Amino acid sequence: MSEEDNRTGVSWNIAAAQSKHIFNLISRSTTAYLDGNLGKWFQILTALREMFNYTLNKDERKSLSKLEKKAKYYKRYWVKYSKLISEGQEPPKEIIIKNNKFSYIVRKYSRKIMDLLYELGYFPDKEDRTNLGF
């Protein structure tokens, strides 16, 4: 086996492992979203971003960083809101509004990450499924 073939095999193995890890994080983020755990959802999305951050251009990284900073600011209100709800108390209107802003920003961040993953080719184009084979 030549050195060129060895490098190609190694790079393919790394790419396959990275893709598997990305899809694992997507699965975990979906589970956190469905559980209603916005804080965990945001953390997993941030880890997902780090998996492909090096392939983004400067403007895309800057845009995602802005959303992350906003989300981290509003996350503390989500923590307060969750704590008050779990204790059976009614949260103040200000905390409810800021919790909703956190939710909106995280959803926007999630959509942006999924769009970037699609653009980078992590999701294949849909196939023509009109022909059914038996």
C-alpha atoms as a PDB file:
ATOM      1  CA  MET A   1       0.000   0.000   0.000  1.00  0.00           C
ATOM      2  CA  SER A   2       1.448   3.365  -0.990  1.00  0.00           C
ATOM      3  CA  GLU A   3       1.693   6.348   1.303  1.00  0.00           C
ATOM      4  CA  GLU A   4      -0.863   8.260  -0.809  1.00  0.00           C
ATOM      5  CA  ASP A   5      -3.411   5.435  -0.450  1.00  0.00           C
ATOM      6  CA  ASN A   6      -2.769   5.331   3.300  1.00  0.00           C
ATOM      7  CA  ARG A   7      -3.394   9.098   3.671  1.00  0.00           C
ATOM      8  CA  THR A   8      -6.593   8.846   1.635  1.00  0.00           C
ATOM      9  CA  GLY A   9      -7.841   5.996   3.811  1.00  0.00           C
ATOM     10  CA  VAL A  10      -7.025   7.862   6.995  1.00  0.00           C
ATOM     11  CA  SER A  11      -8.731  11.065   5.848  1.00  0.00           C
ATOM     12  CA  TRP A  12     -11.804   9.067   4.788  1.00  0.00           C
ATOM     13  CA  ASN A  13     -11.927   7.384   8.211  1.00  0.00           C
ATOM     14  CA  ILE A  14     -11.684  10.763   9.957  1.00  0.00           C
ATOM     15  CA  ALA A  15     -14.467  12.211   7.777  1.00  0.00           C
ATOM     16  CA  ALA A  16     -16.670   9.184   8.445  1.00  0.00           C
ATOM     17  CA  ALA A  17     -16.079   9.420  12.189  1.00  0.00           C
ATOM     18  CA  GLN A  18     -16.825  13.148  12.151  1.00  0.00           C
ATOM     19  CA  SER A  19     -20.070  12.606  10.215  1.00  0.00           C
ATOM     20  CA  LYS A  20     -21.134   9.904  12.657  1.00  0.00           C
ATOM     21  CA  HIS A  21     -20.433  12.202  15.603  1.00  0.00           C
ATOM     22  CA  ILE A  22     -22.372  15.069  13.965  1.00  0.00           C
ATOM     23  CA  PHE A  23     -25.422  12.862  13.423  1.00  0.00           C
ATOM     24  CA  ASN A  24     -25.157  11.619  17.015  1.00  0.00           C
ATOM     25  CA  LEU A  25     -25.208  15.231  18.241  1.00  0.00           C
ATOM     26  CA  ILE A  26     -28.192  16.009  15.996  1.00  0.00           C
ATOM     27  CA  SER A  27     -30.037  13.056  17.498  1.00  0.00           C
ATOM     28  CA  ARG A  28     -29.212  14.185  21.046  1.00  0.00           C
ATOM     29  CA  SER A  29     -30.275  17.771  20.288  1.00  0.00           C
ATOM     30  CA  THR A  30     -33.606  16.533  18.933  1.00  0.00           C
ATOM     31  CA  THR A  31     -34.161  14.521  22.092  1.00  0.00           C
ATOM     32  CA  ALA A  32     -33.346  17.534  24.293  1.00  0.00           C
ATOM     33  CA  TYR A  33     -35.733  19.691  22.244  1.00  0.00           C
ATOM     34  CA  LEU A  34     -38.539  17.160  22.541  1.00  0.00           C
ATOM     35  CA  ASP A  35     -37.913  16.906  26.298  1.00  0.00           C
ATOM     36  CA  GLY A  36     -38.325  20.676  26.526  1.00  0.00           C
ATOM     37  CA  ASN A  37     -34.818  21.177  27.894  1.00  0.00           C
ATOM     38  CA  LEU A  38     -33.807  24.341  26.046  1.00  0.00           C
ATOM     39  CA  GLY A  39     -30.560  24.756  27.970  1.00  0.00           C
ATOM     40  CA  LYS A  40     -29.310  21.299  27.057  1.00  0.00           C
ATOM     41  CA  TRP A  41     -30.539  21.788  23.482  1.00  0.00           C
ATOM     42  CA  PHE A  42     -28.463  24.952  23.188  1.00  0.00           C
ATOM     43  CA  GLN A  43     -25.365  23.281  24.669  1.00  0.00           C
ATOM     44  CA  ILE A  44     -25.595  20.392  22.215  1.00  0.00           C
ATOM     45  CA  LEU A  45     -26.078  22.784  19.288  1.00  0.00           C
ATOM     46  CA  THR A  46     -22.973  24.678  20.392  1.00  0.00           C
ATOM     47  CA  ALA A  47     -20.999  21.427  20.464  1.00  0.00           C
ATOM     48  CA  LEU A  48     -22.387  20.598  17.031  1.00  0.00           C
ATOM     49  CA  ARG A  49     -21.187  23.923  15.701  1.00  0.00           C
ATOM     50  CA  GLU A  50     -17.686  23.218  16.980  1.00  0.00           C
ATOM     51  CA  MET A  51     -17.615  19.998  14.937  1.00  0.00           C
ATOM     52  CA  PHE A  52     -17.708  21.887  11.633  1.00  0.00           C
ATOM     53  CA  ASN A  53     -16.616  25.380  12.671  1.00  0.00           C
ATOM     54  CA  TYR A  54     -13.370  25.180  10.680  1.00  0.00           C
ATOM     55  CA  THR A  55     -15.293  24.815   7.396  1.00  0.00           C
ATOM     56  CA  LEU A  56     -17.273  28.028   7.875  1.00  0.00           C
ATOM     57  CA  ASN A  57     -16.227  31.339   6.410  1.00  0.00           C
ATOM     58  CA  LYS A  58     -15.607  34.357   8.609  1.00  0.00           C
ATOM     59  CA  ASP A  59     -19.071  35.901   8.150  1.00  0.00           C
ATOM     60  CA  GLU A  60     -20.861  32.658   9.035  1.00  0.00           C
ATOM     61  CA  ARG A  61     -18.741  32.212  12.163  1.00  0.00           C
ATOM     62  CA  LYS A  62     -19.388  35.820  13.185  1.00  0.00           C
ATOM     63  CA  SER A  63     -23.144  35.425  12.678  1.00  0.00           C
ATOM     64  CA  LEU A  64     -23.263  32.250  14.778  1.00  0.00           C
ATOM     65  CA  SER A  65     -21.097  33.851  17.476  1.00  0.00           C
ATOM     66  CA  LYS A  66     -23.520  36.776  17.765  1.00  0.00           C
ATOM     67  CA  LEU A  67     -26.442  34.417  18.232  1.00  0.00           C
ATOM     68  CA  GLU A  68     -24.466  32.408  20.806  1.00  0.00           C
ATOM     69  CA  LYS A  69     -23.671  35.532  22.837  1.00  0.00           C
ATOM     70  CA  LYS A  70     -27.332  36.583  22.833  1.00  0.00           C
ATOM     71  CA  ALA A  71     -28.452  33.105  23.816  1.00  0.00           C
ATOM     72  CA  LYS A  72     -25.910  32.880  26.639  1.00  0.00           C
ATOM     73  CA  TYR A  73     -27.182  36.215  27.975  1.00  0.00           C
ATOM     74  CA  TYR A  74     -30.821  35.065  27.977  1.00  0.00           C
ATOM     75  CA  LYS A  75     -30.034  31.559  29.218  1.00  0.00           C
ATOM     76  CA  ARG A  76     -29.817  32.762  32.816  1.00  0.00           C
ATOM     77  CA  TYR A  77     -33.465  33.873  32.589  1.00  0.00           C
ATOM     78  CA  TRP A  78     -34.413  30.436  31.297  1.00  0.00           C
ATOM     79  CA  VAL A  79     -32.681  28.934  34.363  1.00  0.00           C
ATOM     80  CA  LYS A  80     -34.619  31.296  36.676  1.00  0.00           C
ATOM     81  CA  TYR A  81     -37.859  30.540  34.843  1.00  0.00           C
ATOM     82  CA  SER A  82     -37.323  26.767  35.065  1.00  0.00           C
ATOM     83  CA  LYS A  83     -36.499  26.989  38.766  1.00  0.00           C
ATOM     84  CA  LEU A  84     -39.609  29.035  39.567  1.00  0.00           C
ATOM     85  CA  ILE A  85     -41.857  26.714  37.557  1.00  0.00           C
ATOM     86  CA  SER A  86     -40.409  23.611  39.236  1.00  0.00           C
ATOM     87  CA  GLU A  87     -41.076  25.196  42.645  1.00  0.00           C
ATOM     88  CA  GLY A  88     -44.681  25.881  41.645  1.00  0.00           C
ATOM     89  CA  GLN A  89     -44.306  29.675  41.640  1.00  0.00           C
ATOM     90  CA  GLU A  90     -45.523  32.064  38.981  1.00  0.00           C
ATOM     91  CA  PRO A  91     -42.532  33.753  37.295  1.00  0.00           C
ATOM     92  CA  PRO A  92     -42.610  37.536  36.817  1.00  0.00           C
ATOM     93  CA  LYS A  93     -43.597  38.833  33.388  1.00  0.00           C
ATOM     94  CA  GLU A  94     -40.050  40.120  32.731  1.00  0.00           C
ATOM     95  CA  ILE A  95     -38.574  36.632  33.187  1.00  0.00           C
ATOM     96  CA  ILE A  96     -41.264  35.102  30.969  1.00  0.00           C
ATOM     97  CA  ILE A  97     -40.484  37.567  28.174  1.00  0.00           C
ATOM     98  CA  LYS A  98     -36.729  36.966  28.410  1.00  0.00           C
ATOM     99  CA  ASN A  99     -37.289  33.204  28.539  1.00  0.00           C
ATOM    100  CA  ASN A 100     -39.287  33.495  25.304  1.00  0.00           C
ATOM    101  CA  LYS A 101     -36.427  35.478  23.745  1.00  0.00           C
ATOM    102  CA  PHE A 102     -34.008  32.698  24.710  1.00  0.00           C
ATOM    103  CA  SER A 103     -36.297  30.138  23.098  1.00  0.00           C
ATOM    104  CA  TYR A 104     -36.572  32.222  19.918  1.00  0.00           C
ATOM    105  CA  ILE A 105     -32.794  32.719  19.651  1.00  0.00           C
ATOM    106  CA  VAL A 106     -32.041  29.022  20.186  1.00  0.00           C
ATOM    107  CA  ARG A 107     -34.578  28.048  17.505  1.00  0.00           C
ATOM    108  CA  LYS A 108     -33.002  30.553  15.121  1.00  0.00           C
ATOM    109  CA  TYR A 109     -29.534  29.201  15.980  1.00  0.00           C
ATOM    110  CA  SER A 110     -30.708  25.645  15.356  1.00  0.00           C
ATOM    111  CA  ARG A 111     -32.156  26.512  11.952  1.00  0.00           C
ATOM    112  CA  LYS A 112     -28.991  28.307  10.957  1.00  0.00           C
ATOM    113  CA  ILE A 113     -26.804  25.336  11.956  1.00  0.00           C
ATOM    114  CA  MET A 114     -29.013  22.883  10.059  1.00  0.00           C
ATOM    115  CA  ASP A 115     -28.935  25.112   6.973  1.00  0.00           C
ATOM    116  CA  LEU A 116     -25.147  25.277   7.144  1.00  0.00           C
ATOM    117  CA  LEU A 117     -24.895  21.496   7.530  1.00  0.00           C
ATOM    118  CA  TYR A 118     -27.094  21.116   4.465  1.00  0.00           C
ATOM    119  CA  GLU A 119     -24.947  23.569   2.478  1.00  0.00           C
ATOM    120  CA  LEU A 120     -21.795  21.714   3.518  1.00  0.00           C
ATOM    121  CA  GLY A 121     -23.255  18.463   2.204  1.00  0.00           C
ATOM    122  CA  TYR A 122     -23.860  16.571   5.440  1.00  0.00           C
ATOM    123  CA  PHE A 123     -27.448  15.911   4.353  1.00  0.00           C
ATOM    124  CA  PRO A 124     -27.858  14.253   0.955  1.00  0.00           C
ATOM    125  CA  ASP A 125     -30.427  15.569  -1.475  1.00  0.00           C
ATOM    126  CA  LYS A 126     -33.764  13.817  -1.400  1.00  0.00           C
ATOM    127  CA  GLU A 127     -34.069  10.889  -3.755  1.00  0.00           C
ATOM    128  CA  ASP A 128     -36.871  10.263  -6.170  1.00  0.00           C
ATOM    129  CA  ARG A 129     -39.040   7.834  -4.232  1.00  0.00           C
ATOM    130  CA  THR A 130     -41.862   7.502  -6.743  1.00  0.00           C
ATOM    131  CA  ASN A 131     -40.618   4.100  -7.982  1.00  0.00           C
ATOM    132  CA  LEU A 132     -41.268   1.384  -5.478  1.00  0.00           C
ATOM    133  CA  GLY A 133     -39.421  -1.873  -5.824  1.00  0.00           C
ATOM    134  CA  PHE A 134     -40.651  -5.129  -4.401  1.00  0.00           C
END
